[in-house]
């Protein structure tokens, strides 16, 4: 039986902390043995940590937009690189719906969907760009409201209530800044380092 490749999505607008989240996420969840492909659909200010780029088991592929992540593209990456996981850093100005449909058609299996949101402006973006924001929020398994140190306690509470109404199943976390991602991920009840690796290993042995 062929190895199953989990395909995870990290979404959010430019400069909201997607790449910083991926760096912290890799520190917590990756195992030395696994081959991992990171697909970036936009180029922000942050970069994948150099220590990861020096490892031959972590492969970076860059595209211009979400529409390039087709069934054919995913299958080519899976066939050529034989990864255990693919992490897609989605383009923030396009809906993730297309990527999710292509994943379902490919040899990959949709894994976790993470929504990284900026606490200062996310409510404005939901109102003005709901066609892009709402699919991501609705599909997310985990929502992180970033930059909460820059907003009031009342707004923090209102955002958590709003997002909880839009997605009743997601785990919602609040971070003071991107520097807080590692603490949130490593202490999360959802993302447990040891358990996560055991699940991935079990799936890949299937």
Foldseek 3Di string as FASTA:
>chain_A
DAFAEEEEEEEAAAPLQRLLLVQLLCVQADDPPFQEEEEEQPDHPDDRDPVQVVDPSYHYHYHPALVVLAQVNVQVCCVPNVGLYYYYYHHHLAACVRVVVRCVVHSHDYDAYEYRAELVCRVVCCVVPVVRPLNSLQRHQEYEHALPLPDDPVSVVVVVVVSCVSHVRHHYHYYNHSVCSNVCQPPPPVRDHVVSVVVSVVSRVD
